[in-house]
Amino acid sequence: MKEINRQIVRKDTKTYTFRLTKNRLPVDISGWYIYFTVKADWNDLDSDAIISKSIYLNNSDSVAGIGYLSLTSAETDVVIGEYFYDFKFIDTNYRETFQRGKLNIIPSARIG
């Protein structure tokens, strides 16, 4: 599992692209789900997440192990601060947290 710290500008849209491989070969993730949760504390339940999103992977890129998860400006409209996030791939026979880390929600720049 990778640990990567990230940041999102509050009220901005954001799209993440993922590539799942095994032994350096793409894994067909068609029919899988990606789950994304953002929590105030690692120990919080998923049901208490500040941001929670899942998407069903079913497009032409899924066969090549590529998935996309997009957040809307409404979904990133949360209190500015430091949180903890994780991404999971879930299939009937497979479940893995493949990335987690700290997520900083930062204010947008003001001009003028």
PDB file of N, CA and C in Angstrom:
ATOM      1  N   MET A   1       0.851  -1.178   0.000  1.00  0.00           N
ATOM      2  CA  MET A   1       0.000   0.000   0.000  1.00  0.00           C
ATOM      3  C   MET A   1       0.894   1.238   0.000  1.00  0.00           C
ATOM      4  N   LYS A   2       0.507   2.197  -0.814  1.00  0.00           N
ATOM      5  CA  LYS A   2       1.250   3.450  -0.883  1.00  0.00           C
ATOM      6  C   LYS A   2       0.686   4.444   0.127  1.00  0.00           C
ATOM      7  N   GLU A   3       1.583   5.198   0.768  1.00  0.00           N
ATOM      8  CA  GLU A   3       1.169   6.313   1.614  1.00  0.00           C
ATOM      9  C   GLU A   3       1.593   7.592   0.913  1.00  0.00           C
ATOM     10  N   ILE A   4       0.612   8.388   0.536  1.00  0.00           N
ATOM     11  CA  ILE A   4       0.853   9.631  -0.191  1.00  0.00           C
ATOM     12  C   ILE A   4       0.032  10.730   0.456  1.00  0.00           C
ATOM     13  N   ASN A   5       0.680  11.838   0.784  1.00  0.00           N
ATOM     14  CA  ASN A   5      -0.046  12.987   1.297  1.00  0.00           C
ATOM     15  C   ASN A   5      -0.523  13.822   0.122  1.00  0.00           C
ATOM     16  N   ARG A   6      -1.750  14.317   0.244  1.00  0.00           N
ATOM     17  CA  ARG A   6      -2.382  15.058  -0.855  1.00  0.00           C
ATOM     18  C   ARG A   6      -3.011  16.333  -0.319  1.00  0.00           C
ATOM     19  N   GLN A   7      -3.382  17.216  -1.254  1.00  0.00           N
ATOM     20  CA  GLN A   7      -4.161  18.393  -0.883  1.00  0.00           C
ATOM     21  C   GLN A   7      -5.193  18.687  -1.958  1.00  0.00           C
ATOM     22  N   ILE A   8      -6.292  19.258  -1.513  1.00  0.00           N
ATOM     23  CA  ILE A   8      -7.374  19.671  -2.400  1.00  0.00           C
ATOM     24  C   ILE A   8      -7.762  21.083  -1.990  1.00  0.00           C
ATOM     25  N   VAL A   9      -7.976  21.927  -2.969  1.00  0.00           N
ATOM     26  CA  VAL A   9      -8.485  23.271  -2.698  1.00  0.00           C
ATOM     27  C   VAL A   9      -9.974  23.149  -2.397  1.00  0.00           C
ATOM     28  N   ARG A  10     -10.386  23.727  -1.290  1.00  0.00           N
ATOM     29  CA  ARG A  10     -11.785  23.664  -0.881  1.00  0.00           C
ATOM     30  C   ARG A  10     -12.697  24.161  -2.011  1.00  0.00           C
ATOM     31  N   LYS A  11     -13.753  23.433  -2.273  1.00  0.00           N
ATOM     32  CA  LYS A  11     -14.766  23.717  -3.293  1.00  0.00           C
ATOM     33  C   LYS A  11     -14.273  23.544  -4.736  1.00  0.00           C
ATOM     34  N   ASP A  12     -13.110  22.938  -4.919  1.00  0.00           N
ATOM     35  CA  ASP A  12     -12.628  22.634  -6.272  1.00  0.00           C
ATOM     36  C   ASP A  12     -13.043  21.221  -6.661  1.00  0.00           C
ATOM     37  N   THR A  13     -13.098  20.973  -7.954  1.00  0.00           N
ATOM     38  CA  THR A  13     -13.312  19.610  -8.436  1.00  0.00           C
ATOM     39  C   THR A  13     -11.943  18.925  -8.524  1.00  0.00           C
ATOM     40  N   LYS A  14     -11.949  17.610  -8.428  1.00  0.00           N
ATOM     41  CA  LYS A  14     -10.695  16.857  -8.479  1.00  0.00           C
ATOM     42  C   LYS A  14     -10.976  15.478  -9.053  1.00  0.00           C
ATOM     43  N   THR A  15     -10.139  15.029  -9.973  1.00  0.00           N
ATOM     44  CA  THR A  15     -10.253  13.684 -10.524  1.00  0.00           C
ATOM     45  C   THR A  15      -8.946  12.939 -10.277  1.00  0.00           C
ATOM     46  N   TYR A  16      -9.073  11.744  -9.728  1.00  0.00           N
ATOM     47  CA  TYR A  16      -7.924  10.866  -9.508  1.00  0.00           C
ATOM     48  C   TYR A  16      -7.972   9.739 -10.531  1.00  0.00           C
ATOM     49  N   THR A  17      -6.804   9.381 -11.065  1.00  0.00           N
ATOM     50  CA  THR A  17      -6.676   8.265 -11.997  1.00  0.00           C
ATOM     51  C   THR A  17      -5.841   7.183 -11.328  1.00  0.00           C
ATOM     52  N   PHE A  18      -6.305   5.933 -11.432  1.00  0.00           N
ATOM     53  CA  PHE A  18      -5.603   4.806 -10.818  1.00  0.00           C
ATOM     54  C   PHE A  18      -5.296   3.746 -11.845  1.00  0.00           C
ATOM     55  N   ARG A  19      -4.182   3.060 -11.618  1.00  0.00           N
ATOM     56  CA  ARG A  19      -3.795   1.932 -12.464  1.00  0.00           C
ATOM     57  C   ARG A  19      -3.468   0.759 -11.554  1.00  0.00           C
ATOM     58  N   LEU A  20      -4.188  -0.322 -11.725  1.00  0.00           N
ATOM     59  CA  LEU A  20      -3.954  -1.511 -10.917  1.00  0.00           C
ATOM     60  C   LEU A  20      -3.220  -2.544 -11.756  1.00  0.00           C
ATOM     61  N   THR A  21      -2.075  -2.989 -11.245  1.00  0.00           N
ATOM     62  CA  THR A  21      -1.282  -4.007 -11.923  1.00  0.00           C
ATOM     63  C   THR A  21      -0.923  -5.121 -10.934  1.00  0.00           C
ATOM     64  N   LYS A  22      -0.638  -6.261 -11.484  1.00  0.00           N
ATOM     65  CA  LYS A  22      -0.122  -7.380 -10.702  1.00  0.00           C
ATOM     66  C   LYS A  22       1.011  -7.976 -11.511  1.00  0.00           C
ATOM     67  N   ASN A  23       2.177  -8.090 -10.898  1.00  0.00           N
ATOM     68  CA  ASN A  23       3.386  -8.539 -11.599  1.00  0.00           C
ATOM     69  C   ASN A  23       3.645  -7.686 -12.842  1.00  0.00           C
ATOM     70  N   ARG A  24       3.383  -6.395 -12.696  1.00  0.00           N
ATOM     71  CA  ARG A  24       3.604  -5.385 -13.751  1.00  0.00           C
ATOM     72  C   ARG A  24       2.670  -5.504 -14.949  1.00  0.00           C
ATOM     73  N   LEU A  25       1.616  -6.315 -14.820  1.00  0.00           N
ATOM     74  CA  LEU A  25       0.629  -6.452 -15.890  1.00  0.00           C
ATOM     75  C   LEU A  25      -0.698  -5.864 -15.428  1.00  0.00           C
ATOM     76  N   PRO A  26      -1.448  -5.209 -16.329  1.00  0.00           N
ATOM     77  CA  PRO A  26      -2.740  -4.624 -15.934  1.00  0.00           C
ATOM     78  C   PRO A  26      -3.722  -5.695 -15.462  1.00  0.00           C
ATOM     79  N   VAL A  27      -4.510  -5.325 -14.479  1.00  0.00           N
ATOM     80  CA  VAL A  27      -5.563  -6.196 -13.950  1.00  0.00           C
ATOM     81  C   VAL A  27      -6.904  -5.668 -14.451  1.00  0.00           C
ATOM     82  N   ASP A  28      -7.716  -6.527 -15.018  1.00  0.00           N
ATOM     83  CA  ASP A  28      -9.048  -6.127 -15.479  1.00  0.00           C
ATOM     84  C   ASP A  28      -9.908  -5.823 -14.254  1.00  0.00           C
ATOM     85  N   ILE A  29     -10.264  -4.551 -14.076  1.00  0.00           N
ATOM     86  CA  ILE A  29     -11.049  -4.135 -12.905  1.00  0.00           C
ATOM     87  C   ILE A  29     -12.499  -3.821 -13.285  1.00  0.00           C
ATOM     88  N   SER A  30     -12.925  -4.294 -14.439  1.00  0.00           N
ATOM     89  CA  SER A  30     -14.318  -4.111 -14.856  1.00  0.00           C
ATOM     90  C   SER A  30     -15.237  -4.754 -13.830  1.00  0.00           C
ATOM     91  N   GLY A  31     -16.239  -4.024 -13.406  1.00  0.00           N
ATOM     92  CA  GLY A  31     -17.182  -4.538 -12.427  1.00  0.00           C
ATOM     93  C   GLY A  31     -16.746  -4.340 -10.987  1.00  0.00           C
ATOM     94  N   TRP A  32     -15.598  -3.733 -10.762  1.00  0.00           N
ATOM     95  CA  TRP A  32     -15.115  -3.452  -9.411  1.00  0.00           C
ATOM     96  C   TRP A  32     -15.625  -2.080  -8.964  1.00  0.00           C
ATOM     97  N   TYR A  33     -15.441  -1.791  -7.702  1.00  0.00           N
ATOM     98  CA  TYR A  33     -15.746  -0.485  -7.119  1.00  0.00           C
ATOM     99  C   TYR A  33     -14.480   0.133  -6.563  1.00  0.00           C
ATOM    100  N   ILE A  34     -14.393   1.457  -6.632  1.00  0.00           N
ATOM    101  CA  ILE A  34     -13.383   2.222  -5.906  1.00  0.00           C
ATOM    102  C   ILE A  34     -14.131   2.960  -4.800  1.00  0.00           C
ATOM    103  N   TYR A  35     -13.623   2.858  -3.583  1.00  0.00           N
ATOM    104  CA  TYR A  35     -14.177   3.598  -2.452  1.00  0.00           C
ATOM    105  C   TYR A  35     -13.150   4.604  -1.971  1.00  0.00           C
ATOM    106  N   PHE A  36     -13.598   5.815  -1.709  1.00  0.00           N
ATOM    107  CA  PHE A  36     -12.746   6.898  -1.225  1.00  0.00           C
ATOM    108  C   PHE A  36     -13.392   7.451   0.036  1.00  0.00           C
ATOM    109  N   THR A  37     -12.641   7.486   1.133  1.00  0.00           N
ATOM    110  CA  THR A  37     -13.162   8.065   2.367  1.00  0.00           C
ATOM    111  C   THR A  37     -12.148   9.051   2.924  1.00  0.00           C
ATOM    112  N   VAL A  38     -12.671  10.126   3.507  1.00  0.00           N
ATOM    113  CA  VAL A  38     -11.870  11.131   4.189  1.00  0.00           C
ATOM    114  C   VAL A  38     -12.429  11.245   5.600  1.00  0.00           C
ATOM    115  N   LYS A  39     -11.539  11.123   6.596  1.00  0.00           N
ATOM    116  CA  LYS A  39     -11.959  11.095   7.990  1.00  0.00           C
ATOM    117  C   LYS A  39     -11.132  12.075   8.820  1.00  0.00           C
ATOM    118  N   ALA A  40     -11.705  12.501   9.933  1.00  0.00           N
ATOM    119  CA  ALA A  40     -10.980  13.369  10.858  1.00  0.00           C
ATOM    120  C   ALA A  40      -9.905  12.579  11.609  1.00  0.00           C
ATOM    121  N   ASP A  41     -10.118  11.267  11.776  1.00  0.00           N
ATOM    122  CA  ASP A  41      -9.185  10.408  12.510  1.00  0.00           C
ATOM    123  C   ASP A  41      -9.156   9.037  11.825  1.00  0.00           C
ATOM    124  N   TRP A  42      -7.975   8.407  11.792  1.00  0.00           N
ATOM    125  CA  TRP A  42      -7.851   7.085  11.174  1.00  0.00           C
ATOM    126  C   TRP A  42      -8.861   6.094  11.737  1.00  0.00           C
ATOM    127  N   ASN A  43      -9.147   6.234  13.038  1.00  0.00           N
ATOM    128  CA  ASN A  43      -9.996   5.253  13.717  1.00  0.00           C
ATOM    129  C   ASN A  43     -11.488   5.498  13.533  1.00  0.00           C
ATOM    130  N   ASP A  44     -11.872   6.584  12.879  1.00  0.00           N
ATOM    131  CA  ASP A  44     -13.292   6.834  12.618  1.00  0.00           C
ATOM    132  C   ASP A  44     -13.857   5.749  11.710  1.00  0.00           C
ATOM    133  N   LEU A  45     -15.118   5.434  11.907  1.00  0.00           N
ATOM    134  CA  LEU A  45     -15.788   4.475  11.040  1.00  0.00           C
ATOM    135  C   LEU A  45     -16.001   5.082   9.654  1.00  0.00           C
ATOM    136  N   ASP A  46     -16.058   4.243   8.636  1.00  0.00           N
ATOM    137  CA  ASP A  46     -16.345   4.737   7.286  1.00  0.00           C
ATOM    138  C   ASP A  46     -17.671   5.484   7.250  1.00  0.00           C
ATOM    139  N   SER A  47     -18.627   5.054   8.068  1.00  0.00           N
ATOM    140  CA  SER A  47     -19.940   5.710   8.098  1.00  0.00           C
ATOM    141  C   SER A  47     -19.868   7.129   8.668  1.00  0.00           C
ATOM    142  N   ASP A  48     -18.771   7.466   9.348  1.00  0.00           N
ATOM    143  CA  ASP A  48     -18.580   8.806   9.901  1.00  0.00           C
ATOM    144  C   ASP A  48     -17.672   9.675   9.048  1.00  0.00           C
ATOM    145  N   ALA A  49     -17.358   9.220   7.842  1.00  0.00           N
ATOM    146  CA  ALA A  49     -16.434   9.943   6.963  1.00  0.00           C
ATOM    147  C   ALA A  49     -16.989  11.316   6.595  1.00  0.00           C
ATOM    148  N   ILE A  50     -16.087  12.271   6.461  1.00  0.00           N
ATOM    149  CA  ILE A  50     -16.433  13.636   6.051  1.00  0.00           C
ATOM    150  C   ILE A  50     -16.724  13.668   4.558  1.00  0.00           C
ATOM    151  N   ILE A  51     -15.947  12.910   3.804  1.00  0.00           N
ATOM    152  CA  ILE A  51     -16.203  12.700   2.379  1.00  0.00           C
ATOM    153  C   ILE A  51     -16.217  11.193   2.158  1.00  0.00           C
ATOM    154  N   SER A  52     -17.219  10.723   1.451  1.00  0.00           N
ATOM    155  CA  SER A  52     -17.321   9.298   1.153  1.00  0.00           C
ATOM    156  C   SER A  52     -17.891   9.151  -0.247  1.00  0.00           C
ATOM    157  N   LYS A  53     -17.185   8.402  -1.073  1.00  0.00           N
ATOM    158  CA  LYS A  53     -17.648   8.248  -2.447  1.00  0.00           C
ATOM    159  C   LYS A  53     -17.258   6.877  -2.967  1.00  0.00           C
ATOM    160  N   SER A  54     -18.150   6.297  -3.746  1.00  0.00           N
ATOM    161  CA  SER A  54     -17.822   5.045  -4.420  1.00  0.00           C
ATOM    162  C   SER A  54     -18.242   5.165  -5.871  1.00  0.00           C
ATOM    163  N   ILE A  55     -17.493   4.507  -6.735  1.00  0.00           N
ATOM    164  CA  ILE A  55     -17.847   4.477  -8.154  1.00  0.00           C
ATOM    165  C   ILE A  55     -17.706   3.052  -8.657  1.00  0.00           C
ATOM    166  N   TYR A  56     -18.539   2.734  -9.599  1.00  0.00           N
ATOM    167  CA  TYR A  56     -18.517   1.431 -10.257  1.00  0.00           C
ATOM    168  C   TYR A  56     -17.663   1.549 -11.507  1.00  0.00           C
ATOM    169  N   LEU A  57     -16.699   0.671 -11.659  1.00  0.00           N
ATOM    170  CA  LEU A  57     -15.779   0.720 -12.797  1.00  0.00           C
ATOM    171  C   LEU A  57     -16.316  -0.127 -13.933  1.00  0.00           C
ATOM    172  N   ASN A  58     -16.719   0.551 -14.986  1.00  0.00           N
ATOM    173  CA  ASN A  58     -17.277  -0.171 -16.126  1.00  0.00           C
ATOM    174  C   ASN A  58     -17.136   0.695 -17.375  1.00  0.00           C
ATOM    175  N   ASN A  59     -15.897   0.872 -17.811  1.00  0.00           N
ATOM    176  CA  ASN A  59     -15.658   1.613 -19.047  1.00  0.00           C
ATOM    177  C   ASN A  59     -14.536   0.925 -19.815  1.00  0.00           C
ATOM    178  N   SER A  60     -14.193   1.439 -20.960  1.00  0.00           N
ATOM    179  CA  SER A  60     -13.192   0.773 -21.798  1.00  0.00           C
ATOM    180  C   SER A  60     -11.819   0.725 -21.139  1.00  0.00           C
ATOM    181  N   ASP A  61     -11.505   1.664 -20.261  1.00  0.00           N
ATOM    182  CA  ASP A  61     -10.202   1.666 -19.586  1.00  0.00           C
ATOM    183  C   ASP A  61     -10.119   0.630 -18.465  1.00  0.00           C
ATOM    184  N   SER A  62     -11.264   0.210 -17.935  1.00  0.00           N
ATOM    185  CA  SER A  62     -11.273  -0.742 -16.813  1.00  0.00           C
ATOM    186  C   SER A  62     -10.576  -2.048 -17.167  1.00  0.00           C
ATOM    187  N   VAL A  63     -10.713  -2.482 -18.389  1.00  0.00           N
ATOM    188  CA  VAL A  63     -10.076  -3.732 -18.841  1.00  0.00           C
ATOM    189  C   VAL A  63      -8.558  -3.624 -18.712  1.00  0.00           C
ATOM    190  N   ALA A  64      -8.023  -2.420 -18.897  1.00  0.00           N
ATOM    191  CA  ALA A  64      -6.580  -2.185 -18.808  1.00  0.00           C
ATOM    192  C   ALA A  64      -6.140  -1.806 -17.392  1.00  0.00           C
ATOM    193  N   GLY A  65      -7.034  -1.965 -16.400  1.00  0.00           N
ATOM    194  CA  GLY A  65      -6.677  -1.688 -15.011  1.00  0.00           C
ATOM    195  C   GLY A  65      -6.713  -0.225 -14.628  1.00  0.00           C
ATOM    196  N   ILE A  66      -7.382   0.596 -15.431  1.00  0.00           N
ATOM    197  CA  ILE A  66      -7.419   2.040 -15.181  1.00  0.00           C
ATOM    198  C   ILE A  66      -8.802   2.441 -14.676  1.00  0.00           C
ATOM    199  N   GLY A  67      -8.811   3.203 -13.593  1.00  0.00           N
ATOM    200  CA  GLY A  67     -10.063   3.703 -13.036  1.00  0.00           C
ATOM    201  C   GLY A  67      -9.962   5.179 -12.708  1.00  0.00           C
ATOM    202  N   TYR A  68     -11.111   5.822 -12.624  1.00  0.00           N
ATOM    203  CA  TYR A  68     -11.173   7.257 -12.342  1.00  0.00           C
ATOM    204  C   TYR A  68     -12.160   7.510 -11.218  1.00  0.00           C
ATOM    205  N   LEU A  69     -11.807   8.422 -10.337  1.00  0.00           N
ATOM    206  CA  LEU A  69     -12.721   8.854  -9.282  1.00  0.00           C
ATOM    207  C   LEU A  69     -12.717  10.374  -9.276  1.00  0.00           C
ATOM    208  N   SER A  70     -13.888  10.979  -9.490  1.00  0.00           N
ATOM    209  CA  SER A  70     -14.007  12.438  -9.538  1.00  0.00           C
ATOM    210  C   SER A  70     -14.786  12.941  -8.341  1.00  0.00           C
ATOM    211  N   LEU A  71     -14.298  14.046  -7.779  1.00  0.00           N
ATOM    212  CA  LEU A  71     -14.988  14.727  -6.683  1.00  0.00           C
ATOM    213  C   LEU A  71     -15.538  16.040  -7.204  1.00  0.00           C
ATOM    214  N   THR A  72     -16.752  16.359  -6.822  1.00  0.00           N
ATOM    215  CA  THR A  72     -17.377  17.618  -7.234  1.00  0.00           C
ATOM    216  C   THR A  72     -17.012  18.721  -6.247  1.00  0.00           C
ATOM    217  N   SER A  73     -17.303  19.953  -6.632  1.00  0.00           N
ATOM    218  CA  SER A  73     -17.044  21.075  -5.728  1.00  0.00           C
ATOM    219  C   SER A  73     -17.905  20.972  -4.471  1.00  0.00           C
ATOM    220  N   ALA A  74     -19.093  20.405  -4.579  1.00  0.00           N
ATOM    221  CA  ALA A  74     -19.945  20.213  -3.386  1.00  0.00           C
ATOM    222  C   ALA A  74     -19.319  19.189  -2.441  1.00  0.00           C
ATOM    223  N   GLU A  75     -18.688  18.158  -2.987  1.00  0.00           N
ATOM    224  CA  GLU A  75     -18.076  17.126  -2.145  1.00  0.00           C
ATOM    225  C   GLU A  75     -16.809  17.627  -1.445  1.00  0.00           C
ATOM    226  N   THR A  76     -16.128  18.618  -2.018  1.00  0.00           N
ATOM    227  CA  THR A  76     -14.920  19.161  -1.388  1.00  0.00           C
ATOM    228  C   THR A  76     -15.212  20.415  -0.582  1.00  0.00           C
ATOM    229  N   ASP A  77     -16.468  20.733  -0.408  1.00  0.00           N
ATOM    230  CA  ASP A  77     -16.872  21.895   0.396  1.00  0.00           C
ATOM    231  C   ASP A  77     -16.937  21.484   1.871  1.00  0.00           C
ATOM    232  N   VAL A  78     -15.761  21.289   2.462  1.00  0.00           N
ATOM    233  CA  VAL A  78     -15.642  20.890   3.864  1.00  0.00           C
ATOM    234  C   VAL A  78     -14.747  21.892   4.587  1.00  0.00           C
ATOM    235  N   VAL A  79     -14.722  21.811   5.890  1.00  0.00           N
ATOM    236  CA  VAL A  79     -13.919  22.726   6.706  1.00  0.00           C
ATOM    237  C   VAL A  79     -12.445  22.562   6.354  1.00  0.00           C
ATOM    238  N   ILE A  80     -11.761  23.676   6.184  1.00  0.00           N
ATOM    239  CA  ILE A  80     -10.332  23.672   5.889  1.00  0.00           C
ATOM    240  C   ILE A  80      -9.597  22.999   7.049  1.00  0.00           C
ATOM    241  N   GLY A  81      -8.664  22.107   6.723  1.00  0.00           N
ATOM    242  CA  GLY A  81      -7.902  21.427   7.771  1.00  0.00           C
ATOM    243  C   GLY A  81      -7.225  20.178   7.262  1.00  0.00           C
ATOM    244  N   GLU A  82      -6.630  19.431   8.206  1.00  0.00           N
ATOM    245  CA  GLU A  82      -5.930  18.195   7.876  1.00  0.00           C
ATOM    246  C   GLU A  82      -6.799  16.996   8.223  1.00  0.00           C
ATOM    247  N   TYR A  83      -6.910  16.066   7.274  1.00  0.00           N
ATOM    248  CA  TYR A  83      -7.720  14.869   7.431  1.00  0.00           C
ATOM    249  C   TYR A  83      -6.898  13.651   7.019  1.00  0.00           C
ATOM    250  N   PHE A  84      -7.521  12.496   7.083  1.00  0.00           N
ATOM    251  CA  PHE A  84      -6.902  11.242   6.675  1.00  0.00           C
ATOM    252  C   PHE A  84      -7.794  10.601   5.621  1.00  0.00           C
ATOM    253  N   TYR A  85      -7.189  10.055   4.567  1.00  0.00           N
ATOM    254  CA  TYR A  85      -7.983   9.471   3.487  1.00  0.00           C
ATOM    255  C   TYR A  85      -7.481   8.073   3.171  1.00  0.00           C
ATOM    256  N   ASP A  86      -8.331   7.321   2.500  1.00  0.00           N
ATOM    257  CA  ASP A  86      -7.887   6.066   1.898  1.00  0.00           C
ATOM    258  C   ASP A  86      -8.724   5.762   0.662  1.00  0.00           C
ATOM    259  N   PHE A  87      -8.100   4.987  -0.239  1.00  0.00           N
ATOM    260  CA  PHE A  87      -8.746   4.476  -1.440  1.00  0.00           C
ATOM    261  C   PHE A  87      -8.740   2.961  -1.342  1.00  0.00           C
ATOM    262  N   LYS A  88      -9.867   2.349  -1.693  1.00  0.00           N
ATOM    263  CA  LYS A  88      -9.972   0.896  -1.698  1.00  0.00           C
ATOM    264  C   LYS A  88     -10.530   0.440  -3.042  1.00  0.00           C
ATOM    265  N   PHE A  89      -9.991  -0.673  -3.544  1.00  0.00           N
ATOM    266  CA  PHE A  89     -10.607  -1.415  -4.637  1.00  0.00           C
ATOM    267  C   PHE A  89     -11.388  -2.543  -3.995  1.00  0.00           C
ATOM    268  N   ILE A  90     -12.618  -2.757  -4.445  1.00  0.00           N
ATOM    269  CA  ILE A  90     -13.406  -3.851  -3.899  1.00  0.00           C
ATOM    270  C   ILE A  90     -14.059  -4.621  -5.041  1.00  0.00           C
ATOM    271  N   ASP A  91     -13.872  -5.925  -4.998  1.00  0.00           N
ATOM    272  CA  ASP A  91     -14.496  -6.860  -5.926  1.00  0.00           C
ATOM    273  C   ASP A  91     -15.021  -8.001  -5.074  1.00  0.00           C
ATOM    274  N   THR A  92     -15.810  -8.858  -5.633  1.00  0.00           N
ATOM    275  CA  THR A  92     -16.379  -9.969  -4.867  1.00  0.00           C
ATOM    276  C   THR A  92     -15.311 -10.788  -4.157  1.00  0.00           C
ATOM    277  N   ASN A  93     -14.194 -11.048  -4.828  1.00  0.00           N
ATOM    278  CA  ASN A  93     -13.148 -11.896  -4.261  1.00  0.00           C
ATOM    279  C   ASN A  93     -11.904 -11.131  -3.839  1.00  0.00           C
ATOM    280  N   TYR A  94     -11.949  -9.810  -3.862  1.00  0.00           N
ATOM    281  CA  TYR A  94     -10.735  -9.028  -3.651  1.00  0.00           C
ATOM    282  C   TYR A  94     -11.084  -7.702  -2.991  1.00  0.00           C
ATOM    283  N   ARG A  95     -10.353  -7.352  -1.957  1.00  0.00           N
ATOM    284  CA  ARG A  95     -10.541  -6.070  -1.276  1.00  0.00           C
ATOM    285  C   ARG A  95      -9.169  -5.587  -0.835  1.00  0.00           C
ATOM    286  N   GLU A  96      -8.830  -4.371  -1.225  1.00  0.00           N
ATOM    287  CA  GLU A  96      -7.514  -3.858  -0.860  1.00  0.00           C
ATOM    288  C   GLU A  96      -7.533  -2.343  -0.719  1.00  0.00           C
ATOM    289  N   THR A  97      -6.988  -1.874   0.407  1.00  0.00           N
ATOM    290  CA  THR A  97      -6.683  -0.454   0.534  1.00  0.00           C
ATOM    291  C   THR A  97      -5.364  -0.277  -0.189  1.00  0.00           C
ATOM    292  N   PHE A  98      -5.403   0.469  -1.285  1.00  0.00           N
ATOM    293  CA  PHE A  98      -4.197   0.576  -2.098  1.00  0.00           C
ATOM    294  C   PHE A  98      -3.480   1.901  -1.935  1.00  0.00           C
ATOM    295  N   GLN A  99      -4.134   2.842  -1.243  1.00  0.00           N
ATOM    296  CA  GLN A  99      -3.468   4.119  -1.011  1.00  0.00           C
ATOM    297  C   GLN A  99      -4.131   4.809   0.169  1.00  0.00           C
ATOM    298  N   ARG A 100      -3.295   5.453   0.981  1.00  0.00           N
ATOM    299  CA  ARG A 100      -3.819   6.252   2.083  1.00  0.00           C
ATOM    300  C   ARG A 100      -2.794   7.319   2.444  1.00  0.00           C
ATOM    301  N   GLY A 101      -3.229   8.261   3.258  1.00  0.00           N
ATOM    302  CA  GLY A 101      -2.325   9.319   3.683  1.00  0.00           C
ATOM    303  C   GLY A 101      -3.094  10.463   4.302  1.00  0.00           C
ATOM    304  N   LYS A 102      -2.398  11.576   4.449  1.00  0.00           N
ATOM    305  CA  LYS A 102      -3.035  12.792   4.969  1.00  0.00           C
ATOM    306  C   LYS A 102      -3.584  13.587   3.786  1.00  0.00           C
ATOM    307  N   LEU A 103      -4.707  14.225   4.023  1.00  0.00           N
ATOM    308  CA  LEU A 103      -5.319  15.081   3.014  1.00  0.00           C
ATOM    309  C   LEU A 103      -5.537  16.452   3.630  1.00  0.00           C
ATOM    310  N   ASN A 104      -4.915  17.451   3.045  1.00  0.00           N
ATOM    311  CA  ASN A 104      -5.110  18.820   3.502  1.00  0.00           C
ATOM    312  C   ASN A 104      -6.121  19.506   2.601  1.00  0.00           C
ATOM    313  N   ILE A 105      -7.175  20.011   3.206  1.00  0.00           N
ATOM    314  CA  ILE A 105      -8.137  20.853   2.492  1.00  0.00           C
ATOM    315  C   ILE A 105      -7.657  22.281   2.707  1.00  0.00           C
ATOM    316  N   ILE A 106      -7.312  22.955   1.621  1.00  0.00           N
ATOM    317  CA  ILE A 106      -6.736  24.296   1.722  1.00  0.00           C
ATOM    318  C   ILE A 106      -7.684  25.324   1.109  1.00  0.00           C
ATOM    319  N   PRO A 107      -7.568  26.587   1.550  1.00  0.00           N
ATOM    320  CA  PRO A 107      -8.442  27.623   0.990  1.00  0.00           C
ATOM    321  C   PRO A 107      -8.008  27.983  -0.426  1.00  0.00           C
ATOM    322  N   SER A 108      -8.970  28.483  -1.190  1.00  0.00           N
ATOM    323  CA  SER A 108      -8.616  28.957  -2.532  1.00  0.00           C
ATOM    324  C   SER A 108      -7.931  30.306  -2.401  1.00  0.00           C
ATOM    325  N   ALA A 109      -7.097  30.619  -3.376  1.00  0.00           N
ATOM    326  CA  ALA A 109      -6.385  31.886  -3.363  1.00  0.00           C
ATOM    327  C   ALA A 109      -7.345  33.023  -3.654  1.00  0.00           C
ATOM    328  N   ARG A 110      -7.169  34.103  -2.956  1.00  0.00           N
ATOM    329  CA  ARG A 110      -7.975  35.305  -3.216  1.00  0.00           C
ATOM    330  C   ARG A 110      -7.158  36.287  -4.025  1.00  0.00           C
ATOM    331  N   ILE A 111      -7.785  36.843  -5.030  1.00  0.00           N
ATOM    332  CA  ILE A 111      -7.100  37.817  -5.871  1.00  0.00           C
ATOM    333  C   ILE A 111      -7.685  39.186  -5.562  1.00  0.00           C
ATOM    334  N   GLY A 112      -6.763  40.116  -5.291  1.00  0.00           N
ATOM    335  CA  GLY A 112      -7.199  41.495  -5.043  1.00  0.00           C
ATOM    336  C   GLY A 112      -7.461  41.843  -3.626  1.00  0.00           C
TER     337      GLY A 112
END
